Amino acid sequence: MAVTESNWAPWLERLYDLRRDKRGSHERPHKPVLLLAILDLLDRGILRGNQVPFTEELESTFRRFFAVVRSRDDQPTIEHPFYFLSGDGFWQVFAAGQSEPLYRKGFAGGAPSAAQLRRKSATGRFDESLWALMSDPMARHQLREALIARYFPEHHDQLAALSARQWSPDRSESGETLLPPGRDAAFRKTVLGLYDHRCAACGVRVLLKSQLSLVEAAHLIPFSVSRNDRPTNGVALCPNHHWAMDSFLIAPCPDSRSRAGIWRINERRLDDRIEGQRDLMSLAGKPVLPPRETMYLPAPEALRWREDHLTIAD
């Protein structure tokens, strides 16, 4: 199928914002790991048709991927994402011979155990339009790359090595790009939502009813360097301050007084006697305006990258 931004972007926006259990600054990895495991079964030809049975093969594949990304007290309980992924609106789980899904929105309760899912011969099904994308080999790999970029960028090479079909990280065998065209839009929506469409440098916020926003989503460590679409590698900036940051005139940097960092300027390249540069220089020492959720504060390593590159810029 033709993979375009119009059919990819809405799905990536939803997949970049999976509903996950959170513990402090830690988001549980279960749902994206389940999706990676299902993509792997598709690559291996084990799944045919829009049905994902709860099998030992799915469990073992899930555990292999989970072992790479787990941290803290994460446990490889596949029954939780298999059941609760239904809450994200594009997946349903059915018991054999039943037409009503096991998960019903608004009904509280825990997930069935793995043993119960096996006894019920439980099967998961995707929304048909998402399944159409997943059924295409190229689109499937693009989806894998986007999921890893959003949730597990530091484990990219390890996860890619576990995948049944090996690809170049940047190009297909025919030389085509492997990142879906809607990836930038998904990152943008996630970051701008967290910053309430407000520039983290000057505080400007212009949001029209049509959801047109003045601010842009900027990667702290450029995606070409990091392949990292985590919200902690992003910040919302107006076009002027986005340009200034990417030109290494200003940078959000680590600071003990502000968990979001403070702004520093490149004094060798800016002159407060010149109109237009004065406003940039006035940012020096001011705190970075933070996102609404503290767990998505700029990552310290991303702030250090910006600080290091500010000092070495020409």
Protein backbone atom coordinates (compact mmCIF):
# COMPACT_ATOMS: atom_id res chain seq x y z
CA MET A 1 0.00 0.00 0.00
CA ALA A 2 1.09 3.61 -0.50
CA VAL A 3 2.40 4.98 2.80
CA THR A 4 1.57 8.68 3.01
CA GLU A 5 1.35 11.21 5.81
CA SER A 6 -2.43 11.25 5.49
CA ASN A 7 -2.78 7.58 6.43
CA TRP A 8 0.19 7.41 8.79
CA ALA A 9 0.02 10.59 10.87
CA PRO A 10 -3.25 9.89 12.75
CA TRP A 11 -2.02 6.45 13.78
CA LEU A 12 1.43 7.60 14.82
CA GLU A 13 -0.09 10.36 16.94
CA ARG A 14 -2.05 7.70 18.82
CA LEU A 15 0.84 5.25 19.04
CA TYR A 16 3.14 8.00 20.34
CA ASP A 17 0.69 8.58 23.19
CA LEU A 18 -0.16 5.10 24.47
CA ARG A 19 -1.90 5.03 27.83
CA ARG A 20 0.71 3.53 30.13
CA ASP A 21 1.11 2.93 33.82
CA LYS A 22 3.49 5.50 35.31
CA ARG A 23 5.71 5.26 38.38
CA GLY A 24 7.25 8.63 39.13
CA SER A 25 9.37 9.49 36.10
CA HIS A 26 9.13 5.94 34.72
CA GLU A 27 6.62 4.80 32.10
CA ARG A 28 5.99 1.07 31.91
CA PRO A 29 7.23 -0.45 28.63
CA HIS A 30 4.62 -3.22 28.27
CA LYS A 31 2.34 -1.87 25.52
CA PRO A 32 5.04 -0.80 23.04
CA VAL A 33 6.89 -4.08 23.69
CA LEU A 34 3.72 -6.04 22.87
CA LEU A 35 3.39 -4.11 19.61
CA LEU A 36 7.03 -4.84 18.72
CA ALA A 37 6.47 -8.55 19.44
CA ILE A 38 3.39 -8.64 17.20
CA LEU A 39 5.30 -6.91 14.39
CA ASP A 40 8.00 -9.56 14.74
CA LEU A 41 5.46 -12.39 14.45
CA LEU A 42 4.15 -10.75 11.29
CA ASP A 43 7.67 -10.57 9.84
CA ARG A 44 8.14 -14.27 10.59
CA GLY A 45 4.90 -15.20 8.85
CA ILE A 46 3.36 -16.62 12.04
CA LEU A 47 0.35 -14.30 11.97
CA ARG A 48 -2.03 -14.39 9.03
CA GLY A 49 -5.13 -12.27 8.99
CA ASN A 50 -6.18 -9.79 11.62
CA GLN A 51 -6.05 -12.18 14.55
CA VAL A 52 -3.36 -12.32 17.22
CA PRO A 53 -3.85 -15.40 19.40
CA PHE A 54 -2.48 -15.48 22.95
CA THR A 55 0.11 -18.19 22.35
CA GLU A 56 3.39 -19.38 23.81
CA GLU A 57 5.13 -17.99 20.71
CA LEU A 58 3.74 -14.52 21.39
CA GLU A 59 4.70 -14.78 25.07
CA SER A 60 8.27 -15.87 24.35
CA THR A 61 8.74 -13.14 21.72
CA PHE A 62 7.37 -10.55 24.16
CA ARG A 63 9.80 -11.72 26.85
CA ARG A 64 12.80 -11.48 24.51
CA PHE A 65 12.05 -7.86 23.66
CA PHE A 66 11.05 -7.04 27.23
CA ALA A 67 14.37 -8.31 28.61
CA VAL A 68 16.17 -5.63 26.57
CA VAL A 69 14.16 -2.62 27.76
CA ARG A 70 13.05 -3.52 31.28
CA SER A 71 14.19 -1.36 34.19
CA ARG A 72 13.44 -0.85 37.86
CA ASP A 73 10.76 -3.34 38.94
CA ASP A 74 9.28 -4.01 35.48
CA GLN A 75 7.89 -7.54 35.20
CA PRO A 76 7.18 -9.32 31.87
CA THR A 77 3.44 -9.71 32.49
CA ILE A 78 2.16 -9.92 28.93
CA GLU A 79 -1.45 -10.41 30.05
CA HIS A 80 -1.62 -6.76 31.15
CA PRO A 81 -0.83 -5.08 27.80
CA PHE A 82 -2.69 -7.81 25.87
CA TYR A 83 -5.84 -6.90 27.77
CA PHE A 84 -5.42 -3.19 28.56
CA LEU A 85 -4.26 -2.17 25.07
CA SER A 86 -8.00 -2.25 24.37
CA GLY A 87 -8.26 1.02 26.28
CA ASP A 88 -6.30 2.79 23.52
CA GLY A 89 -9.18 2.25 21.11
CA PHE A 90 -7.57 0.33 18.25
CA TRP A 91 -7.39 -3.21 19.71
CA GLN A 92 -9.96 -5.62 21.07
CA VAL A 93 -9.61 -9.00 22.76
CA PHE A 94 -12.15 -11.79 22.28
CA ALA A 95 -12.60 -15.21 23.87
CA ALA A 96 -13.08 -18.06 21.41
CA GLY A 97 -16.65 -18.22 20.14
CA GLN A 98 -17.62 -14.86 21.70
CA SER A 99 -18.66 -11.76 19.77
CA GLU A 100 -18.39 -9.36 22.70
CA PRO A 101 -14.87 -8.19 23.61
CA LEU A 102 -13.47 -9.08 27.04
CA TYR A 103 -12.56 -5.46 27.79
CA ARG A 104 -15.41 -3.00 28.18
CA LYS A 105 -14.70 0.66 28.75
CA GLY A 106 -15.95 1.93 32.09
CA PHE A 107 -15.96 -1.46 33.77
CA ALA A 108 -13.25 -1.55 36.42
CA GLY A 109 -11.26 -4.70 36.97
CA GLY A 110 -7.89 -6.28 36.54
CA ALA A 111 -6.61 -8.14 33.54
CA PRO A 112 -7.35 -11.87 33.21
CA SER A 113 -4.35 -14.00 34.12
CA ALA A 114 -2.22 -15.54 31.40
CA ALA A 115 -3.73 -18.94 32.28
CA GLN A 116 -7.26 -17.54 31.89
CA LEU A 117 -6.41 -16.03 28.51
CA ARG A 118 -5.06 -19.38 27.37
CA ARG A 119 -8.16 -21.24 28.56
CA LYS A 120 -10.36 -18.76 26.73
CA SER A 121 -8.22 -19.12 23.57
CA ALA A 122 -8.13 -15.33 23.60
CA THR A 123 -7.41 -13.49 20.37
CA GLY A 124 -6.61 -9.83 19.77
CA ARG A 125 -7.70 -7.83 16.72
CA PHE A 126 -6.56 -4.44 15.45
CA ASP A 127 -8.57 -1.67 13.87
CA GLU A 128 -8.74 -2.64 10.19
CA SER A 129 -7.06 0.53 8.91
CA LEU A 130 -4.12 0.09 11.29
CA TRP A 131 -3.92 -3.59 10.36
CA ALA A 132 -3.71 -2.60 6.69
CA LEU A 133 -0.55 -0.61 7.49
CA MET A 134 0.91 -3.39 9.63
CA SER A 135 0.32 -5.92 6.84
CA ASP A 136 2.65 -4.07 4.47
CA PRO A 137 6.32 -5.11 5.03
CA MET A 138 7.78 -1.66 4.46
CA ALA A 139 5.13 0.10 6.54
CA ARG A 140 5.62 -2.49 9.25
CA HIS A 141 9.29 -1.70 9.51
CA GLN A 142 8.58 2.01 9.50
CA LEU A 143 6.21 1.46 12.40
CA ARG A 144 8.88 -0.50 14.29
CA GLU A 145 11.42 2.29 13.79
CA ALA A 146 8.92 4.90 15.01
CA LEU A 147 7.97 2.89 18.12
CA ILE A 148 11.62 2.41 19.04
CA ALA A 149 12.35 6.11 18.44
CA ARG A 150 9.48 7.12 20.72
CA TYR A 151 9.88 4.62 23.54
CA PHE A 152 13.28 2.90 23.43
CA PRO A 153 15.80 4.98 21.42
CA GLU A 154 18.75 3.93 23.60
CA HIS A 155 18.02 0.27 22.79
CA HIS A 156 17.60 0.68 19.03
CA ASP A 157 20.43 -1.57 17.91
CA GLN A 158 19.61 -4.32 20.42
CA LEU A 159 15.94 -4.37 19.46
CA ALA A 160 16.73 -4.25 15.75
CA ALA A 161 19.05 -7.24 16.19
CA LEU A 162 16.17 -9.23 17.70
CA SER A 163 13.87 -8.54 14.78
CA ALA A 164 13.21 -11.36 12.37
CA ARG A 165 13.88 -9.23 9.28
CA GLN A 166 17.13 -7.29 9.30
CA TRP A 167 17.22 -3.87 7.67
CA SER A 168 19.62 -0.98 7.50
CA PRO A 169 18.66 1.44 10.29
CA ASP A 170 18.14 4.28 7.82
CA ARG A 171 17.37 2.78 4.42
CA SER A 172 15.60 -0.17 2.88
CA GLU A 173 17.26 -2.49 0.39
CA SER A 174 15.95 -0.26 -2.41
CA GLY A 175 17.28 2.90 -0.77
CA GLU A 176 13.93 4.23 0.46
CA THR A 177 13.66 5.89 3.83
CA LEU A 178 12.31 3.65 6.59
CA LEU A 179 10.80 6.32 8.80
CA PRO A 180 7.08 6.96 8.28
CA PRO A 181 6.14 10.37 6.87
CA GLY A 182 3.89 11.18 9.84
CA ARG A 183 6.61 10.78 12.48
CA ASP A 184 7.38 14.51 12.75
CA ALA A 185 3.68 15.31 13.21
CA ALA A 186 3.35 12.72 15.98
CA PHE A 187 6.38 14.11 17.83
CA ARG A 188 5.06 17.64 17.39
CA LYS A 189 1.63 16.86 18.80
CA THR A 190 3.11 15.08 21.83
CA VAL A 191 5.59 17.83 22.70
CA LEU A 192 3.28 20.79 22.08
CA GLY A 193 0.58 19.19 24.21
CA LEU A 194 3.00 18.75 27.10
CA TYR A 195 4.11 22.40 26.86
CA ASP A 196 0.55 23.66 26.36
CA HIS A 197 1.62 25.23 23.05
CA ARG A 198 3.85 27.71 24.91
CA CYS A 199 7.40 28.64 23.91
CA ALA A 200 9.82 27.46 26.61
CA ALA A 201 12.02 30.49 25.94
CA CYS A 202 9.78 33.56 25.64
CA GLY A 203 6.45 32.15 26.83
CA VAL A 204 4.45 33.16 23.75
CA ARG A 205 1.32 31.07 23.19
CA VAL A 206 -0.91 31.43 20.15
CA LEU A 207 -3.35 28.57 19.57
CA LEU A 208 -6.31 28.89 17.22
CA LYS A 209 -9.49 26.84 17.48
CA SER A 210 -8.37 24.86 14.45
CA GLN A 211 -5.40 23.71 16.57
CA LEU A 212 -3.02 25.85 14.52
CA SER A 213 -0.18 26.70 16.89
CA LEU A 214 2.56 29.30 16.62
CA VAL A 215 5.12 27.16 18.43
CA GLU A 216 7.10 24.24 17.05
CA ALA A 217 8.45 21.02 18.53
CA ALA A 218 12.25 21.10 18.63
CA HIS A 219 14.53 18.13 19.27
CA LEU A 220 17.18 18.87 21.88
CA ILE A 221 19.56 16.26 20.47
CA PRO A 222 18.73 16.32 16.74
CA PHE A 223 16.89 13.25 15.51
CA SER A 224 19.57 12.67 12.88
CA VAL A 225 22.04 12.21 15.74
CA SER A 226 19.92 10.48 18.38
CA ARG A 227 16.94 8.87 16.59
CA ASN A 228 15.17 9.85 19.79
CA ASP A 229 11.53 10.98 19.75
CA ARG A 230 10.98 10.75 23.48
CA PRO A 231 9.21 13.85 24.81
CA THR A 232 12.18 14.41 27.15
CA ASN A 233 14.27 15.02 24.03
CA GLY A 234 11.91 17.77 22.91
CA VAL A 235 10.95 21.31 23.82
CA ALA A 236 8.31 23.70 22.47
CA LEU A 237 9.73 26.86 20.91
CA CYS A 238 8.47 29.73 18.79
CA PRO A 239 10.03 29.81 15.29
CA ASN A 240 12.55 32.52 16.27
CA HIS A 241 13.88 30.69 19.30
CA HIS A 242 13.79 27.33 17.50
CA TRP A 243 16.00 28.81 14.78
CA ALA A 244 18.29 30.44 17.35
CA MET A 245 18.72 27.19 19.27
CA ASP A 246 19.44 25.14 16.16
CA SER A 247 21.90 27.86 15.07
CA PHE A 248 23.68 27.43 18.43
CA LEU A 249 23.08 31.03 19.44
CA ILE A 250 21.13 30.01 22.55
CA ALA A 251 20.82 26.73 24.44
CA PRO A 252 18.83 25.23 27.32
CA CYS A 253 21.48 24.02 29.74
CA PRO A 254 21.60 22.09 33.03
CA ASP A 255 21.30 24.14 36.20
CA SER A 256 20.90 23.16 39.85
CA ARG A 257 18.28 25.86 40.40
CA SER A 258 15.86 24.74 37.70
CA ARG A 259 14.99 21.14 36.88
CA ALA A 260 14.01 22.21 33.37
CA GLY A 261 17.35 23.99 32.87
CA ILE A 262 18.26 27.60 32.15
CA TRP A 263 18.99 29.47 28.95
CA ARG A 264 22.55 30.36 28.05
CA ILE A 265 23.72 32.39 25.09
CA ASN A 266 26.71 32.32 22.78
CA GLU A 267 28.34 35.58 23.80
CA ARG A 268 30.96 35.32 21.04
CA ARG A 269 28.31 35.50 18.35
CA LEU A 270 25.77 37.89 19.86
CA ASP A 271 26.07 41.62 20.48
CA ASP A 272 23.52 43.50 22.60
CA ARG A 273 24.24 46.70 20.67
CA ILE A 274 22.61 45.20 17.57
CA GLU A 275 18.84 45.38 17.35
CA GLY A 276 17.36 41.90 17.01
CA GLN A 277 20.15 40.25 18.97
CA ARG A 278 19.31 42.09 22.18
CA ASP A 279 16.20 39.95 22.77
CA LEU A 280 18.19 36.75 22.43
CA MET A 281 20.80 37.99 24.88
CA SER A 282 18.10 38.85 27.41
CA LEU A 283 17.38 35.13 27.79
CA ALA A 284 20.71 34.54 29.54
CA GLY A 285 20.18 32.95 32.94
CA LYS A 286 16.40 32.69 32.63
CA PRO A 287 14.78 29.34 33.46
CA VAL A 288 13.41 27.12 30.72
CA LEU A 289 9.63 27.13 30.99
CA PRO A 290 8.78 23.52 31.94
CA PRO A 291 6.23 21.07 30.55
CA ARG A 292 3.01 20.43 32.45
CA GLU A 293 4.17 17.02 33.71
CA THR A 294 7.48 16.85 35.57
CA MET A 295 8.22 13.35 34.28
CA TYR A 296 8.69 14.93 30.83
CA LEU A 297 11.23 17.56 31.87
CA PRO A 298 14.13 17.86 29.41
CA ALA A 299 16.52 14.95 29.85
CA PRO A 300 19.79 15.97 31.55
CA GLU A 301 21.87 14.36 28.80
CA ALA A 302 19.93 16.37 26.19
CA LEU A 303 20.59 19.62 28.05
CA ARG A 304 24.28 18.72 28.32
CA TRP A 305 24.41 18.08 24.56
CA ARG A 306 23.03 21.55 23.90
CA GLU A 307 25.44 23.12 26.38
CA ASP A 308 28.44 21.34 24.88
CA HIS A 309 27.53 22.34 21.34
CA LEU A 310 26.88 25.95 22.30
CA THR A 311 30.46 26.31 23.49
CA ILE A 312 32.03 24.69 20.42
CA ALA A 313 29.86 26.46 17.83
CA ASP A 314 31.69 28.76 15.43
